[in-house]
Amino acid sequence: MAGALLTAACDGGASESAANADVINAVNILETSGLHEMDEAVKKDGSISPDAKTTAEKLQTIVLLTEWPKDLQPQARALAALFAEMARVVEGDDKAKAGDAIKKAHDGYHDFTHGVWEHLYDEAGLTSGTASHGH
């Protein structure tokens, strides 16, 4: 019986570690997706990256398929909606609307990843104080 309890306890820790690893992987993909650079290009010269739609669809997929901690799930759904809107408008004729959607997705991803890192710091037993915002 003690062995069964120990195994159950280890499995819980292992699944929590796997969940944290999945979250870390997803947040890393978000942060290295090129979304910041896309937003900067729009601000600089109004150019929309040819892969903006594909990037938005991939990021939306990652956000929807990742099992986020319960407290982050509403923000994840909101971020997925921003990526959906970005994917919908970036190939249209309205460059201002596309640029706005990219900016909203970029800002939303920053807010979301900040919350994710705060959660991960807590999981690791760290006090982050003020987490860097990256870009």
N, C-alpha and C. Protein backbone atom coordinates (compact mmCIF):
# COMPACT_ATOMS: atom_id res chain seq x y z
N MET A 1 0.83 -1.18 0.00
CA MET A 1 0.00 0.00 0.00
C MET A 1 0.87 1.25 0.00
N ALA A 2 1.91 1.26 0.81
CA ALA A 2 2.80 2.42 0.84
C ALA A 2 3.43 2.65 -0.52
N GLY A 3 3.78 1.57 -1.21
CA GLY A 3 4.34 1.69 -2.55
C GLY A 3 3.36 2.30 -3.52
N ALA A 4 2.09 1.93 -3.40
CA ALA A 4 1.06 2.49 -4.27
C ALA A 4 0.90 3.98 -4.02
N LEU A 5 0.94 4.38 -2.75
CA LEU A 5 0.84 5.80 -2.43
C LEU A 5 2.04 6.57 -2.97
N LEU A 6 3.21 5.97 -2.82
CA LEU A 6 4.42 6.62 -3.32
C LEU A 6 4.37 6.75 -4.84
N THR A 7 3.93 5.71 -5.51
CA THR A 7 3.80 5.75 -6.96
C THR A 7 2.80 6.82 -7.38
N ALA A 8 1.68 6.88 -6.68
CA ALA A 8 0.67 7.90 -7.00
C ALA A 8 1.23 9.29 -6.80
N ALA A 9 1.97 9.48 -5.72
CA ALA A 9 2.56 10.79 -5.45
C ALA A 9 3.57 11.15 -6.52
N CYS A 10 4.37 10.17 -6.95
CA CYS A 10 5.36 10.44 -7.98
C CYS A 10 4.69 10.75 -9.32
N ASP A 11 3.65 10.01 -9.63
CA ASP A 11 2.93 10.26 -10.87
C ASP A 11 2.34 11.66 -10.89
N GLY A 12 1.80 12.12 -9.76
CA GLY A 12 1.25 13.47 -9.69
C GLY A 12 2.32 14.51 -9.94
N GLY A 13 3.49 14.30 -9.36
CA GLY A 13 4.60 15.23 -9.58
C GLY A 13 5.09 15.19 -11.01
N ALA A 14 5.12 13.98 -11.56
CA ALA A 14 5.58 13.84 -12.94
C ALA A 14 4.61 14.51 -13.91
N SER A 15 3.31 14.33 -13.67
CA SER A 15 2.35 14.96 -14.57
C SER A 15 2.36 16.47 -14.41
N GLU A 16 2.61 16.95 -13.19
CA GLU A 16 2.72 18.40 -12.98
C GLU A 16 3.96 18.94 -13.69
N SER A 17 5.06 18.20 -13.61
CA SER A 17 6.28 18.60 -14.32
C SER A 17 6.06 18.61 -15.81
N ALA A 18 5.36 17.60 -16.32
CA ALA A 18 5.06 17.55 -17.76
C ALA A 18 4.18 18.72 -18.17
N ALA A 19 3.19 19.04 -17.33
CA ALA A 19 2.31 20.17 -17.63
C ALA A 19 3.12 21.47 -17.65
N ASN A 20 4.01 21.64 -16.67
CA ASN A 20 4.86 22.83 -16.64
C ASN A 20 5.77 22.88 -17.87
N ALA A 21 6.29 21.72 -18.28
CA ALA A 21 7.15 21.67 -19.46
C ALA A 21 6.36 22.07 -20.71
N ASP A 22 5.13 21.60 -20.81
CA ASP A 22 4.28 21.97 -21.95
C ASP A 22 4.03 23.48 -21.97
N VAL A 23 3.77 24.05 -20.80
CA VAL A 23 3.53 25.49 -20.70
C VAL A 23 4.80 26.26 -21.06
N ILE A 24 5.93 25.81 -20.56
CA ILE A 24 7.21 26.46 -20.88
C ILE A 24 7.47 26.40 -22.39
N ASN A 25 7.23 25.25 -22.99
CA ASN A 25 7.43 25.11 -24.42
C ASN A 25 6.51 26.06 -25.19
N ALA A 26 5.26 26.11 -24.81
CA ALA A 26 4.30 26.97 -25.52
C ALA A 26 4.66 28.44 -25.37
N VAL A 27 5.02 28.86 -24.16
CA VAL A 27 5.34 30.27 -23.97
C VAL A 27 6.62 30.62 -24.72
N ASN A 28 7.55 29.69 -24.80
CA ASN A 28 8.77 29.93 -25.58
C ASN A 28 8.45 30.11 -27.06
N ILE A 29 7.55 29.29 -27.58
CA ILE A 29 7.15 29.44 -28.98
C ILE A 29 6.50 30.80 -29.21
N LEU A 30 5.62 31.21 -28.29
CA LEU A 30 4.98 32.52 -28.41
C LEU A 30 6.03 33.63 -28.45
N GLU A 31 6.99 33.53 -27.54
CA GLU A 31 7.98 34.61 -27.41
C GLU A 31 8.99 34.66 -28.55
N THR A 32 9.14 33.59 -29.28
CA THR A 32 10.11 33.57 -30.38
C THR A 32 9.43 33.49 -31.75
N SER A 33 8.16 33.82 -31.79
CA SER A 33 7.36 33.67 -33.01
C SER A 33 7.60 34.74 -34.07
N GLY A 34 8.23 35.83 -33.71
CA GLY A 34 8.43 36.92 -34.66
C GLY A 34 7.30 37.95 -34.63
N LEU A 35 6.37 37.79 -33.71
CA LEU A 35 5.24 38.72 -33.63
C LEU A 35 5.71 40.14 -33.30
N HIS A 36 6.70 40.24 -32.44
CA HIS A 36 7.24 41.56 -32.09
C HIS A 36 7.78 42.25 -33.35
N GLU A 37 8.54 41.50 -34.13
CA GLU A 37 9.13 42.06 -35.34
C GLU A 37 8.06 42.44 -36.36
N MET A 38 6.99 41.64 -36.43
CA MET A 38 5.88 41.98 -37.33
C MET A 38 5.25 43.31 -36.93
N ASP A 39 5.03 43.48 -35.63
CA ASP A 39 4.44 44.72 -35.14
C ASP A 39 5.36 45.90 -35.41
N GLU A 40 6.65 45.71 -35.20
CA GLU A 40 7.62 46.78 -35.46
C GLU A 40 7.65 47.15 -36.94
N ALA A 41 7.56 46.17 -37.83
CA ALA A 41 7.57 46.44 -39.28
C ALA A 41 6.34 47.25 -39.68
N VAL A 42 5.21 46.94 -39.09
CA VAL A 42 3.98 47.71 -39.38
C VAL A 42 4.17 49.15 -38.92
N LYS A 43 4.71 49.32 -37.71
CA LYS A 43 4.93 50.68 -37.18
C LYS A 43 5.94 51.45 -38.03
N LYS A 44 6.99 50.77 -38.47
CA LYS A 44 8.08 51.43 -39.19
C LYS A 44 7.67 51.85 -40.61
N ASP A 45 7.14 50.90 -41.37
CA ASP A 45 6.86 51.23 -42.77
C ASP A 45 5.54 50.68 -43.29
N GLY A 46 4.70 50.21 -42.39
CA GLY A 46 3.39 49.72 -42.80
C GLY A 46 3.39 48.38 -43.49
N SER A 47 4.53 47.68 -43.45
CA SER A 47 4.59 46.40 -44.15
C SER A 47 4.01 45.26 -43.30
N ILE A 48 3.31 44.38 -43.98
CA ILE A 48 2.73 43.19 -43.36
C ILE A 48 3.53 41.99 -43.84
N SER A 49 4.07 41.24 -42.93
CA SER A 49 4.88 40.06 -43.27
C SER A 49 4.05 39.07 -44.09
N PRO A 50 4.64 38.49 -45.12
CA PRO A 50 3.91 37.52 -45.94
C PRO A 50 3.45 36.29 -45.15
N ASP A 51 4.12 35.99 -44.03
CA ASP A 51 3.74 34.83 -43.24
C ASP A 51 2.89 35.20 -42.02
N ALA A 52 2.34 36.40 -42.00
CA ALA A 52 1.56 36.86 -40.84
C ALA A 52 0.35 35.96 -40.57
N LYS A 53 -0.36 35.58 -41.61
CA LYS A 53 -1.55 34.73 -41.41
C LYS A 53 -1.15 33.37 -40.86
N THR A 54 -0.15 32.75 -41.46
CA THR A 54 0.30 31.44 -41.00
C THR A 54 0.81 31.50 -39.57
N THR A 55 1.56 32.55 -39.26
CA THR A 55 2.05 32.72 -37.89
C THR A 55 0.89 32.83 -36.92
N ALA A 56 -0.08 33.65 -37.24
CA ALA A 56 -1.25 33.82 -36.36
C ALA A 56 -1.99 32.50 -36.17
N GLU A 57 -2.16 31.74 -37.25
CA GLU A 57 -2.87 30.45 -37.15
C GLU A 57 -2.09 29.45 -36.31
N LYS A 58 -0.78 29.43 -36.47
CA LYS A 58 0.05 28.52 -35.66
C LYS A 58 -0.01 28.90 -34.19
N LEU A 59 0.09 30.20 -33.90
CA LEU A 59 0.05 30.65 -32.51
C LEU A 59 -1.32 30.37 -31.90
N GLN A 60 -2.38 30.58 -32.66
CA GLN A 60 -3.72 30.28 -32.18
C GLN A 60 -3.83 28.79 -31.84
N THR A 61 -3.30 27.95 -32.69
CA THR A 61 -3.34 26.50 -32.48
C THR A 61 -2.58 26.13 -31.20
N ILE A 62 -1.40 26.68 -31.03
CA ILE A 62 -0.60 26.39 -29.84
C ILE A 62 -1.34 26.82 -28.57
N VAL A 63 -1.92 28.01 -28.61
CA VAL A 63 -2.64 28.52 -27.43
C VAL A 63 -3.86 27.66 -27.13
N LEU A 64 -4.57 27.23 -28.16
CA LEU A 64 -5.78 26.42 -27.94
C LEU A 64 -5.46 25.00 -27.49
N LEU A 65 -4.34 24.44 -27.91
CA LEU A 65 -4.02 23.05 -27.58
C LEU A 65 -3.21 22.89 -26.30
N THR A 66 -2.61 23.95 -25.81
CA THR A 66 -1.83 23.87 -24.58
C THR A 66 -2.77 23.83 -23.38
N GLU A 67 -2.47 22.96 -22.44
CA GLU A 67 -3.26 22.89 -21.22
C GLU A 67 -2.68 23.90 -20.22
N TRP A 68 -3.25 25.09 -20.24
CA TRP A 68 -2.79 26.17 -19.38
C TRP A 68 -3.32 25.95 -17.96
N PRO A 69 -2.62 26.48 -16.97
CA PRO A 69 -3.16 26.44 -15.60
C PRO A 69 -4.54 27.10 -15.59
N LYS A 70 -5.41 26.61 -14.72
CA LYS A 70 -6.81 27.08 -14.68
C LYS A 70 -6.92 28.59 -14.62
N ASP A 71 -6.08 29.24 -13.83
CA ASP A 71 -6.18 30.69 -13.68
C ASP A 71 -5.78 31.45 -14.94
N LEU A 72 -5.12 30.79 -15.88
CA LEU A 72 -4.70 31.44 -17.12
C LEU A 72 -5.59 31.08 -18.31
N GLN A 73 -6.51 30.17 -18.13
CA GLN A 73 -7.33 29.71 -19.25
C GLN A 73 -8.20 30.81 -19.87
N PRO A 74 -8.83 31.69 -19.09
CA PRO A 74 -9.61 32.76 -19.74
C PRO A 74 -8.74 33.69 -20.60
N GLN A 75 -7.54 34.01 -20.10
CA GLN A 75 -6.63 34.85 -20.87
C GLN A 75 -6.15 34.12 -22.13
N ALA A 76 -5.96 32.81 -22.02
CA ALA A 76 -5.53 32.02 -23.19
C ALA A 76 -6.60 32.05 -24.27
N ARG A 77 -7.86 31.91 -23.87
CA ARG A 77 -8.95 31.97 -24.85
C ARG A 77 -9.02 33.35 -25.50
N ALA A 78 -8.82 34.39 -24.71
CA ALA A 78 -8.84 35.76 -25.25
C ALA A 78 -7.68 35.96 -26.23
N LEU A 79 -6.51 35.41 -25.90
CA LEU A 79 -5.36 35.53 -26.80
C LEU A 79 -5.61 34.76 -28.09
N ALA A 80 -6.18 33.58 -27.99
CA ALA A 80 -6.50 32.79 -29.18
C ALA A 80 -7.44 33.58 -30.09
N ALA A 81 -8.38 34.30 -29.51
CA ALA A 81 -9.31 35.12 -30.30
C ALA A 81 -8.56 36.26 -31.00
N LEU A 82 -7.57 36.84 -30.35
CA LEU A 82 -6.77 37.89 -30.99
C LEU A 82 -5.99 37.33 -32.17
N PHE A 83 -5.45 36.11 -32.02
CA PHE A 83 -4.74 35.49 -33.13
C PHE A 83 -5.69 35.15 -34.27
N ALA A 84 -6.91 34.72 -33.93
CA ALA A 84 -7.91 34.42 -34.97
C ALA A 84 -8.24 35.68 -35.76
N GLU A 85 -8.42 36.79 -35.06
CA GLU A 85 -8.72 38.05 -35.74
C GLU A 85 -7.55 38.49 -36.61
N MET A 86 -6.35 38.33 -36.11
CA MET A 86 -5.17 38.69 -36.89
C MET A 86 -5.12 37.85 -38.17
N ALA A 87 -5.32 36.55 -38.05
CA ALA A 87 -5.29 35.67 -39.22
C ALA A 87 -6.36 36.06 -40.23
N ARG A 88 -7.49 36.51 -39.71
CA ARG A 88 -8.62 36.85 -40.59
C ARG A 88 -8.35 38.11 -41.41
N VAL A 89 -7.66 39.09 -40.84
CA VAL A 89 -7.57 40.39 -41.51
C VAL A 89 -6.23 40.69 -42.19
N VAL A 90 -5.17 39.96 -41.88
CA VAL A 90 -3.85 40.37 -42.41
C VAL A 90 -3.69 40.23 -43.91
N GLU A 91 -4.49 39.40 -44.53
CA GLU A 91 -4.36 39.25 -45.98
C GLU A 91 -5.38 40.09 -46.75
N GLY A 92 -6.12 40.90 -46.01
CA GLY A 92 -7.11 41.76 -46.65
C GLY A 92 -6.48 43.02 -47.21
N ASP A 93 -7.33 43.88 -47.77
CA ASP A 93 -6.87 45.12 -48.38
C ASP A 93 -6.69 46.25 -47.38
N ASP A 94 -7.25 46.11 -46.20
CA ASP A 94 -7.20 47.17 -45.20
C ASP A 94 -5.95 47.02 -44.34
N LYS A 95 -4.88 47.68 -44.75
CA LYS A 95 -3.59 47.57 -44.04
C LYS A 95 -3.67 48.16 -42.64
N ALA A 96 -4.48 49.20 -42.45
CA ALA A 96 -4.62 49.77 -41.11
C ALA A 96 -5.27 48.77 -40.17
N LYS A 97 -6.29 48.09 -40.65
CA LYS A 97 -6.97 47.08 -39.84
C LYS A 97 -6.03 45.91 -39.53
N ALA A 98 -5.25 45.51 -40.52
CA ALA A 98 -4.28 44.43 -40.32
C ALA A 98 -3.23 44.84 -39.29
N GLY A 99 -2.72 46.05 -39.44
CA GLY A 99 -1.72 46.55 -38.49
C GLY A 99 -2.27 46.62 -37.08
N ASP A 100 -3.53 47.04 -36.95
CA ASP A 100 -4.16 47.10 -35.63
C ASP A 100 -4.31 45.71 -35.03
N ALA A 101 -4.67 44.72 -35.86
CA ALA A 101 -4.83 43.35 -35.37
C ALA A 101 -3.48 42.77 -34.92
N ILE A 102 -2.42 43.09 -35.66
CA ILE A 102 -1.09 42.63 -35.27
C ILE A 102 -0.68 43.27 -33.95
N LYS A 103 -0.93 44.57 -33.81
CA LYS A 103 -0.59 45.25 -32.56
C LYS A 103 -1.36 44.66 -31.38
N LYS A 104 -2.65 44.41 -31.57
CA LYS A 104 -3.45 43.83 -30.49
C LYS A 104 -2.95 42.44 -30.12
N ALA A 105 -2.60 41.63 -31.11
CA ALA A 105 -2.08 40.29 -30.84
C ALA A 105 -0.74 40.38 -30.12
N HIS A 106 0.12 41.31 -30.54
CA HIS A 106 1.42 41.51 -29.91
C HIS A 106 1.26 41.95 -28.46
N ASP A 107 0.41 42.95 -28.24
CA ASP A 107 0.17 43.42 -26.86
C ASP A 107 -0.45 42.31 -26.01
N GLY A 108 -1.41 41.58 -26.59
CA GLY A 108 -2.06 40.50 -25.86
C GLY A 108 -1.10 39.39 -25.49
N TYR A 109 -0.21 39.07 -26.41
CA TYR A 109 0.76 38.01 -26.11
C TYR A 109 1.71 38.46 -25.00
N HIS A 110 2.11 39.72 -25.00
CA HIS A 110 2.96 40.22 -23.91
C HIS A 110 2.26 40.12 -22.56
N ASP A 111 1.02 40.56 -22.50
CA ASP A 111 0.28 40.49 -21.24
C ASP A 111 0.13 39.04 -20.79
N PHE A 112 -0.20 38.17 -21.73
CA PHE A 112 -0.40 36.76 -21.40
C PHE A 112 0.89 36.10 -20.93
N THR A 113 1.97 36.29 -21.68
CA THR A 113 3.22 35.61 -21.30
C THR A 113 3.76 36.14 -19.97
N HIS A 114 3.50 37.40 -19.68
CA HIS A 114 3.89 37.93 -18.37
C HIS A 114 3.18 37.14 -17.27
N GLY A 115 1.88 36.91 -17.43
CA GLY A 115 1.12 36.12 -16.45
C GLY A 115 1.59 34.69 -16.38
N VAL A 116 1.93 34.11 -17.53
CA VAL A 116 2.44 32.74 -17.55
C VAL A 116 3.74 32.64 -16.77
N TRP A 117 4.65 33.57 -17.01
CA TRP A 117 5.93 33.53 -16.29
C TRP A 117 5.73 33.74 -14.80
N GLU A 118 4.83 34.61 -14.43
CA GLU A 118 4.55 34.79 -12.99
C GLU A 118 4.08 33.46 -12.39
N HIS A 119 3.21 32.74 -13.10
CA HIS A 119 2.74 31.44 -12.64
C HIS A 119 3.91 30.46 -12.51
N LEU A 120 4.76 30.42 -13.52
CA LEU A 120 5.90 29.50 -13.50
C LEU A 120 6.88 29.85 -12.39
N TYR A 121 7.11 31.14 -12.16
CA TYR A 121 7.97 31.54 -11.05
C TYR A 121 7.40 31.01 -9.73
N ASP A 122 6.10 31.16 -9.57
CA ASP A 122 5.44 30.65 -8.35
C ASP A 122 5.62 29.14 -8.24
N GLU A 123 5.43 28.42 -9.34
CA GLU A 123 5.59 26.97 -9.35
C GLU A 123 7.01 26.57 -8.94
N ALA A 124 7.98 27.38 -9.35
CA ALA A 124 9.38 27.09 -9.06
C ALA A 124 9.79 27.57 -7.67
N GLY A 125 8.87 28.25 -6.98
CA GLY A 125 9.19 28.76 -5.66
C GLY A 125 10.01 30.03 -5.67
N LEU A 126 9.96 30.74 -6.78
CA LEU A 126 10.71 31.99 -6.92
C LEU A 126 9.79 33.18 -6.69
N THR A 127 10.35 34.23 -6.17
CA THR A 127 9.62 35.48 -6.12
C THR A 127 10.24 36.37 -7.18
N SER A 128 9.44 36.73 -8.15
CA SER A 128 9.99 37.43 -9.31
C SER A 128 10.06 38.93 -9.12
N GLY A 129 9.31 39.47 -8.16
CA GLY A 129 9.27 40.92 -8.03
C GLY A 129 8.62 41.51 -9.25
N THR A 130 9.42 42.03 -10.13
CA THR A 130 8.90 42.53 -11.40
C THR A 130 9.56 41.76 -12.51
N ALA A 131 8.76 41.04 -13.25
CA ALA A 131 9.29 40.25 -14.36
C ALA A 131 9.54 41.15 -15.55
N SER A 132 10.59 40.87 -16.25
CA SER A 132 10.90 41.63 -17.46
C SER A 132 9.85 41.37 -18.52
N HIS A 133 9.56 42.38 -19.31
CA HIS A 133 8.53 42.25 -20.32
C HIS A 133 9.10 41.80 -21.66
N GLY A 134 10.39 41.64 -21.73
CA GLY A 134 10.96 41.13 -22.99
C GLY A 134 11.05 42.22 -24.03
N HIS A 135 10.10 42.26 -24.95
CA HIS A 135 10.13 43.24 -26.05
C HIS A 135 9.29 44.42 -25.65
